[in-house]
Amino acid sequence: MNYGMSSDVLQTTHPERQLPNDAWPKDNFSYSYVRASVCCYDQMMFLCLTSGLLLQLLMHMGRKFASVVRSVLL
């Protein structure tokens, strides 16, 4: 019995986790393209979230600053 991390052991112990062979692209270029596009999508989501949070923070600070200026001037 082989207790190593070979592919046949993983296939027999967890068959529900195995992807079919045609789920992945055969050539290396399309696989790297899929990986790069997923990574780019993750980076874009991160940038959108952080820019949205920064915009919210700037708006909040602007409101605070405007209220302070208004109270000083009035």
PDB file of N, CA and C in Angstrom:
ATOM      1  N   MET A   1       0.849  -1.195   0.000  1.00  0.00           N
ATOM      2  CA  MET A   1       0.000   0.000   0.000  1.00  0.00           C
ATOM      3  C   MET A   1       0.881   1.239   0.000  1.00  0.00           C
ATOM      4  N   ASN A   2       0.571   2.170  -0.867  1.00  0.00           N
ATOM      5  CA  ASN A   2       1.367   3.388  -0.998  1.00  0.00           C
ATOM      6  C   ASN A   2       0.682   4.502  -0.212  1.00  0.00           C
ATOM      7  N   TYR A   3       1.366   5.026   0.803  1.00  0.00           N
ATOM      8  CA  TYR A   3       0.797   6.102   1.613  1.00  0.00           C
ATOM      9  C   TYR A   3       1.318   7.467   1.222  1.00  0.00           C
ATOM     10  N   GLY A   4       2.024   7.581   0.123  1.00  0.00           N
ATOM     11  CA  GLY A   4       2.547   8.872  -0.324  1.00  0.00           C
ATOM     12  C   GLY A   4       1.447   9.724  -0.931  1.00  0.00           C
ATOM     13  N   MET A   5       1.832  10.892  -1.356  1.00  0.00           N
ATOM     14  CA  MET A   5       0.863  11.822  -1.938  1.00  0.00           C
ATOM     15  C   MET A   5       0.826  11.681  -3.461  1.00  0.00           C
ATOM     16  N   SER A   6       0.756  10.464  -3.937  1.00  0.00           N
ATOM     17  CA  SER A   6       0.696  10.286  -5.380  1.00  0.00           C
ATOM     18  C   SER A   6      -0.736  10.495  -5.858  1.00  0.00           C
ATOM     19  N   SER A   7      -0.876  10.640  -7.152  1.00  0.00           N
ATOM     20  CA  SER A   7      -2.191  10.994  -7.684  1.00  0.00           C
ATOM     21  C   SER A   7      -3.190   9.851  -7.550  1.00  0.00           C
ATOM     22  N   ASP A   8      -2.718   8.590  -7.618  1.00  0.00           N
ATOM     23  CA  ASP A   8      -3.678   7.483  -7.508  1.00  0.00           C
ATOM     24  C   ASP A   8      -4.242   7.381  -6.096  1.00  0.00           C
ATOM     25  N   VAL A   9      -3.418   7.716  -5.083  1.00  0.00           N
ATOM     26  CA  VAL A   9      -3.920   7.694  -3.718  1.00  0.00           C
ATOM     27  C   VAL A   9      -4.953   8.798  -3.521  1.00  0.00           C
ATOM     28  N   LEU A  10      -4.656   9.972  -4.049  1.00  0.00           N
ATOM     29  CA  LEU A  10      -5.608  11.067  -3.912  1.00  0.00           C
ATOM     30  C   LEU A  10      -6.900  10.771  -4.659  1.00  0.00           C
ATOM     31  N   GLN A  11      -6.777  10.090  -5.810  1.00  0.00           N
ATOM     32  CA  GLN A  11      -7.987   9.789  -6.559  1.00  0.00           C
ATOM     33  C   GLN A  11      -8.843   8.753  -5.834  1.00  0.00           C
ATOM     34  N   THR A  12      -8.208   7.806  -5.199  1.00  0.00           N
ATOM     35  CA  THR A  12      -9.007   6.775  -4.542  1.00  0.00           C
ATOM     36  C   THR A  12      -9.591   7.278  -3.227  1.00  0.00           C
ATOM     37  N   THR A  13      -8.852   8.167  -2.507  1.00  0.00           N
ATOM     38  CA  THR A  13      -9.368   8.597  -1.216  1.00  0.00           C
ATOM     39  C   THR A  13     -10.403   9.704  -1.342  1.00  0.00           C
ATOM     40  N   HIS A  14     -10.218  10.622  -2.305  1.00  0.00           N
ATOM     41  CA  HIS A  14     -11.173  11.716  -2.489  1.00  0.00           C
ATOM     42  C   HIS A  14     -11.599  11.805  -3.951  1.00  0.00           C
ATOM     43  N   PRO A  15     -12.435  10.905  -4.408  1.00  0.00           N
ATOM     44  CA  PRO A  15     -12.822  10.984  -5.825  1.00  0.00           C
ATOM     45  C   PRO A  15     -13.733  12.171  -6.119  1.00  0.00           C
ATOM     46  N   GLU A  16     -14.429  12.683  -5.099  1.00  0.00           N
ATOM     47  CA  GLU A  16     -15.336  13.808  -5.364  1.00  0.00           C
ATOM     48  C   GLU A  16     -14.578  15.111  -5.564  1.00  0.00           C
ATOM     49  N   ARG A  17     -13.317  15.150  -5.107  1.00  0.00           N
ATOM     50  CA  ARG A  17     -12.525  16.373  -5.267  1.00  0.00           C
ATOM     51  C   ARG A  17     -11.788  16.420  -6.588  1.00  0.00           C
ATOM     52  N   GLN A  18     -11.783  15.329  -7.319  1.00  0.00           N
ATOM     53  CA  GLN A  18     -11.021  15.274  -8.561  1.00  0.00           C
ATOM     54  C   GLN A  18     -11.790  15.952  -9.684  1.00  0.00           C
ATOM     55  N   LEU A  19     -11.091  16.809 -10.420  1.00  0.00           N
ATOM     56  CA  LEU A  19     -11.691  17.409 -11.603  1.00  0.00           C
ATOM     57  C   LEU A  19     -11.520  16.470 -12.787  1.00  0.00           C
ATOM     58  N   PRO A  20     -12.458  16.446 -13.689  1.00  0.00           N
ATOM     59  CA  PRO A  20     -12.235  15.660 -14.905  1.00  0.00           C
ATOM     60  C   PRO A  20     -11.076  16.245 -15.706  1.00  0.00           C
ATOM     61  N   ASN A  21     -10.448  15.402 -16.499  1.00  0.00           N
ATOM     62  CA  ASN A  21      -9.255  15.836 -17.215  1.00  0.00           C
ATOM     63  C   ASN A  21      -9.564  16.911 -18.246  1.00  0.00           C
ATOM     64  N   ASP A  22     -10.782  16.939 -18.777  1.00  0.00           N
ATOM     65  CA  ASP A  22     -11.091  17.957 -19.777  1.00  0.00           C
ATOM     66  C   ASP A  22     -11.516  19.277 -19.141  1.00  0.00           C
ATOM     67  N   ALA A  23     -11.519  19.377 -17.799  1.00  0.00           N
ATOM     68  CA  ALA A  23     -11.864  20.647 -17.176  1.00  0.00           C
ATOM     69  C   ALA A  23     -10.733  21.647 -17.310  1.00  0.00           C
ATOM     70  N   TRP A  24      -9.497  21.167 -17.419  1.00  0.00           N
ATOM     71  CA  TRP A  24      -8.350  22.060 -17.574  1.00  0.00           C
ATOM     72  C   TRP A  24      -7.936  22.087 -19.029  1.00  0.00           C
ATOM     73  N   PRO A  25      -7.464  23.225 -19.503  1.00  0.00           N
ATOM     74  CA  PRO A  25      -6.974  23.285 -20.885  1.00  0.00           C
ATOM     75  C   PRO A  25      -5.735  22.416 -21.058  1.00  0.00           C
ATOM     76  N   LYS A  26      -5.587  21.849 -22.242  1.00  0.00           N
ATOM     77  CA  LYS A  26      -4.491  20.917 -22.469  1.00  0.00           C
ATOM     78  C   LYS A  26      -3.153  21.642 -22.611  1.00  0.00           C
ATOM     79  N   ASP A  27      -3.128  22.734 -23.361  1.00  0.00           N
ATOM     80  CA  ASP A  27      -1.836  23.381 -23.587  1.00  0.00           C
ATOM     81  C   ASP A  27      -1.512  24.341 -22.457  1.00  0.00           C
ATOM     82  N   ASN A  28      -0.245  24.646 -22.340  1.00  0.00           N
ATOM     83  CA  ASN A  28       0.237  25.445 -21.222  1.00  0.00           C
ATOM     84  C   ASN A  28      -0.153  26.905 -21.385  1.00  0.00           C
ATOM     85  N   PHE A  29      -0.265  27.386 -22.628  1.00  0.00           N
ATOM     86  CA  PHE A  29      -0.557  28.799 -22.846  1.00  0.00           C
ATOM     87  C   PHE A  29      -1.940  29.176 -22.324  1.00  0.00           C
ATOM     88  N   SER A  30      -2.952  28.373 -22.649  1.00  0.00           N
ATOM     89  CA  SER A  30      -4.299  28.732 -22.210  1.00  0.00           C
ATOM     90  C   SER A  30      -4.438  28.574 -20.695  1.00  0.00           C
ATOM     91  N   TYR A  31      -3.712  27.615 -20.114  1.00  0.00           N
ATOM     92  CA  TYR A  31      -3.755  27.476 -18.663  1.00  0.00           C
ATOM     93  C   TYR A  31      -3.141  28.699 -17.988  1.00  0.00           C
ATOM     94  N   SER A  32      -2.003  29.166 -18.498  1.00  0.00           N
ATOM     95  CA  SER A  32      -1.392  30.359 -17.905  1.00  0.00           C
ATOM     96  C   SER A  32      -2.257  31.584 -18.178  1.00  0.00           C
ATOM     97  N   TYR A  33      -2.947  31.621 -19.328  1.00  0.00           N
ATOM     98  CA  TYR A  33      -3.838  32.744 -19.616  1.00  0.00           C
ATOM     99  C   TYR A  33      -5.014  32.763 -18.642  1.00  0.00           C
ATOM    100  N   VAL A  34      -5.579  31.606 -18.343  1.00  0.00           N
ATOM    101  CA  VAL A  34      -6.680  31.531 -17.380  1.00  0.00           C
ATOM    102  C   VAL A  34      -6.201  31.962 -16.003  1.00  0.00           C
ATOM    103  N   ARG A  35      -5.020  31.498 -15.603  1.00  0.00           N
ATOM    104  CA  ARG A  35      -4.483  31.895 -14.306  1.00  0.00           C
ATOM    105  C   ARG A  35      -4.219  33.386 -14.251  1.00  0.00           C
ATOM    106  N   ALA A  36      -3.671  33.950 -15.333  1.00  0.00           N
ATOM    107  CA  ALA A  36      -3.371  35.378 -15.347  1.00  0.00           C
ATOM    108  C   ALA A  36      -4.655  36.195 -15.323  1.00  0.00           C
ATOM    109  N   SER A  37      -5.692  35.745 -16.024  1.00  0.00           N
ATOM    110  CA  SER A  37      -6.936  36.515 -16.039  1.00  0.00           C
ATOM    111  C   SER A  37      -7.619  36.457 -14.682  1.00  0.00           C
ATOM    112  N   VAL A  38      -7.555  35.318 -13.997  1.00  0.00           N
ATOM    113  CA  VAL A  38      -8.127  35.228 -12.653  1.00  0.00           C
ATOM    114  C   VAL A  38      -7.360  36.128 -11.690  1.00  0.00           C
ATOM    115  N   CYS A  39      -6.033  36.152 -11.820  1.00  0.00           N
ATOM    116  CA  CYS A  39      -5.214  37.000 -10.963  1.00  0.00           C
ATOM    117  C   CYS A  39      -5.511  38.465 -11.250  1.00  0.00           C
ATOM    118  N   CYS A  40      -5.661  38.810 -12.510  1.00  0.00           N
ATOM    119  CA  CYS A  40      -5.982  40.193 -12.874  1.00  0.00           C
ATOM    120  C   CYS A  40      -7.354  40.577 -12.333  1.00  0.00           C
ATOM    121  N   TYR A  41      -8.322  39.658 -12.389  1.00  0.00           N
ATOM    122  CA  TYR A  41      -9.646  39.931 -11.849  1.00  0.00           C
ATOM    123  C   TYR A  41      -9.582  40.165 -10.347  1.00  0.00           C
ATOM    124  N   ASP A  42      -8.776  39.350  -9.646  1.00  0.00           N
ATOM    125  CA  ASP A  42      -8.628  39.548  -8.200  1.00  0.00           C
ATOM    126  C   ASP A  42      -8.000  40.898  -7.884  1.00  0.00           C
ATOM    127  N   GLN A  43      -6.986  41.278  -8.663  1.00  0.00           N
ATOM    128  CA  GLN A  43      -6.339  42.568  -8.417  1.00  0.00           C
ATOM    129  C   GLN A  43      -7.296  43.717  -8.702  1.00  0.00           C
ATOM    130  N   MET A  44      -8.106  43.591  -9.749  1.00  0.00           N
ATOM    131  CA  MET A  44      -9.060  44.661 -10.060  1.00  0.00           C
ATOM    132  C   MET A  44     -10.119  44.780  -8.972  1.00  0.00           C
ATOM    133  N   MET A  45     -10.587  43.647  -8.450  1.00  0.00           N
ATOM    134  CA  MET A  45     -11.556  43.705  -7.361  1.00  0.00           C
ATOM    135  C   MET A  45     -10.953  44.354  -6.126  1.00  0.00           C
ATOM    136  N   PHE A  46      -9.686  44.019  -5.832  1.00  0.00           N
ATOM    137  CA  PHE A  46      -9.015  44.617  -4.681  1.00  0.00           C
ATOM    138  C   PHE A  46      -8.868  46.121  -4.868  1.00  0.00           C
ATOM    139  N   LEU A  47      -8.488  46.542  -6.078  1.00  0.00           N
ATOM    140  CA  LEU A  47      -8.328  47.972  -6.336  1.00  0.00           C
ATOM    141  C   LEU A  47      -9.661  48.706  -6.243  1.00  0.00           C
ATOM    142  N   CYS A  48     -10.718  48.087  -6.760  1.00  0.00           N
ATOM    143  CA  CYS A  48     -12.036  48.731  -6.685  1.00  0.00           C
ATOM    144  C   CYS A  48     -12.490  48.871  -5.234  1.00  0.00           C
ATOM    145  N   LEU A  49     -12.291  47.823  -4.447  1.00  0.00           N
ATOM    146  CA  LEU A  49     -12.716  47.886  -3.045  1.00  0.00           C
ATOM    147  C   LEU A  49     -11.920  48.917  -2.263  1.00  0.00           C
ATOM    148  N   THR A  50     -10.602  48.927  -2.470  1.00  0.00           N
ATOM    149  CA  THR A  50      -9.796  49.881  -1.702  1.00  0.00           C
ATOM    150  C   THR A  50     -10.062  51.305  -2.147  1.00  0.00           C
ATOM    151  N   SER A  51     -10.261  51.531  -3.452  1.00  0.00           N
ATOM    152  CA  SER A  51     -10.543  52.897  -3.897  1.00  0.00           C
ATOM    153  C   SER A  51     -11.908  53.346  -3.400  1.00  0.00           C
ATOM    154  N   GLY A  52     -12.875  52.431  -3.337  1.00  0.00           N
ATOM    155  CA  GLY A  52     -14.177  52.788  -2.788  1.00  0.00           C
ATOM    156  C   GLY A  52     -14.092  53.139  -1.315  1.00  0.00           C
ATOM    157  N   LEU A  53     -13.311  52.366  -0.565  1.00  0.00           N
ATOM    158  CA  LEU A  53     -13.150  52.665   0.856  1.00  0.00           C
ATOM    159  C   LEU A  53     -12.417  53.989   1.064  1.00  0.00           C
ATOM    160  N   LEU A  54     -11.399  54.251   0.246  1.00  0.00           N
ATOM    161  CA  LEU A  54     -10.687  55.529   0.356  1.00  0.00           C
ATOM    162  C   LEU A  54     -11.599  56.695   0.012  1.00  0.00           C
ATOM    163  N   LEU A  55     -12.452  56.512  -0.984  1.00  0.00           N
ATOM    164  CA  LEU A  55     -13.390  57.573  -1.341  1.00  0.00           C
ATOM    165  C   LEU A  55     -14.367  57.839  -0.201  1.00  0.00           C
ATOM    166  N   GLN A  56     -14.853  56.780   0.425  1.00  0.00           N
ATOM    167  CA  GLN A  56     -15.750  56.959   1.571  1.00  0.00           C
ATOM    168  C   GLN A  56     -15.043  57.697   2.710  1.00  0.00           C
ATOM    169  N   LEU A  57     -13.779  57.332   2.954  1.00  0.00           N
ATOM    170  CA  LEU A  57     -13.018  57.988   4.017  1.00  0.00           C
ATOM    171  C   LEU A  57     -12.792  59.462   3.699  1.00  0.00           C
ATOM    172  N   LEU A  58     -12.459  59.765   2.447  1.00  0.00           N
ATOM    173  CA  LEU A  58     -12.251  61.160   2.061  1.00  0.00           C
ATOM    174  C   LEU A  58     -13.538  61.969   2.179  1.00  0.00           C
ATOM    175  N   MET A  59     -14.672  61.376   1.798  1.00  0.00           N
ATOM    176  CA  MET A  59     -15.937  62.087   1.926  1.00  0.00           C
ATOM    177  C   MET A  59     -16.260  62.347   3.392  1.00  0.00           C
ATOM    178  N   HIS A  60     -15.993  61.368   4.242  1.00  0.00           N
ATOM    179  CA  HIS A  60     -16.245  61.528   5.674  1.00  0.00           C
ATOM    180  C   HIS A  60     -15.355  62.627   6.253  1.00  0.00           C
ATOM    181  N   MET A  61     -14.072  62.623   5.892  1.00  0.00           N
ATOM    182  CA  MET A  61     -13.160  63.650   6.377  1.00  0.00           C
ATOM    183  C   MET A  61     -13.541  65.019   5.830  1.00  0.00           C
ATOM    184  N   GLY A  62     -14.018  65.062   4.599  1.00  0.00           N
ATOM    185  CA  GLY A  62     -14.463  66.334   4.023  1.00  0.00           C
ATOM    186  C   GLY A  62     -15.664  66.893   4.755  1.00  0.00           C
ATOM    187  N   ARG A  63     -16.589  66.015   5.130  1.00  0.00           N
ATOM    188  CA  ARG A  63     -17.754  66.483   5.890  1.00  0.00           C
ATOM    189  C   ARG A  63     -17.333  67.004   7.257  1.00  0.00           C
ATOM    190  N   LYS A  64     -16.407  66.293   7.917  1.00  0.00           N
ATOM    191  CA  LYS A  64     -15.910  66.753   9.215  1.00  0.00           C
ATOM    192  C   LYS A  64     -15.227  68.113   9.079  1.00  0.00           C
ATOM    193  N   PHE A  65     -14.385  68.245   8.046  1.00  0.00           N
ATOM    194  CA  PHE A  65     -13.666  69.484   7.829  1.00  0.00           C
ATOM    195  C   PHE A  65     -14.630  70.625   7.528  1.00  0.00           C
ATOM    196  N   ALA A  66     -15.663  70.334   6.728  1.00  0.00           N
ATOM    197  CA  ALA A  66     -16.642  71.372   6.401  1.00  0.00           C
ATOM    198  C   ALA A  66     -17.415  71.792   7.643  1.00  0.00           C
ATOM    199  N   SER A  67     -17.746  70.862   8.510  1.00  0.00           N
ATOM    200  CA  SER A  67     -18.476  71.229   9.725  1.00  0.00           C
ATOM    201  C   SER A  67     -17.595  72.049  10.668  1.00  0.00           C
ATOM    202  N   VAL A  68     -16.298  71.723  10.745  1.00  0.00           N
ATOM    203  CA  VAL A  68     -15.382  72.495  11.586  1.00  0.00           C
ATOM    204  C   VAL A  68     -15.226  73.904  11.034  1.00  0.00           C
ATOM    205  N   VAL A  69     -15.057  74.030   9.716  1.00  0.00           N
ATOM    206  CA  VAL A  69     -14.918  75.354   9.102  1.00  0.00           C
ATOM    207  C   VAL A  69     -16.194  76.152   9.287  1.00  0.00           C
ATOM    208  N   ARG A  70     -17.333  75.501   9.137  1.00  0.00           N
ATOM    209  CA  ARG A  70     -18.605  76.196   9.299  1.00  0.00           C
ATOM    210  C   ARG A  70     -18.779  76.695  10.733  1.00  0.00           C
ATOM    211  N   SER A  71     -18.370  75.875  11.712  1.00  0.00           N
ATOM    212  CA  SER A  71     -18.526  76.305  13.103  1.00  0.00           C
ATOM    213  C   SER A  71     -17.537  77.425  13.445  1.00  0.00           C
ATOM    214  N   VAL A  72     -16.368  77.428  12.821  1.00  0.00           N
ATOM    215  CA  VAL A  72     -15.395  78.494  13.080  1.00  0.00           C
ATOM    216  C   VAL A  72     -15.859  79.801  12.434  1.00  0.00           C
ATOM    217  N   LEU A  73     -16.379  79.723  11.223  1.00  0.00           N
ATOM    218  CA  LEU A  73     -16.776  80.932  10.509  1.00  0.00           C
ATOM    219  C   LEU A  73     -18.055  81.538  11.064  1.00  0.00           C
ATOM    220  N   LEU A  74     -18.941  80.701  11.578  1.00  0.00           N
ATOM    221  CA  LEU A  74     -20.217  81.248  12.068  1.00  0.00           C
ATOM    222  C   LEU A  74     -20.158  81.647  13.525  1.00  0.00           C
TER     223      LEU A  74
END
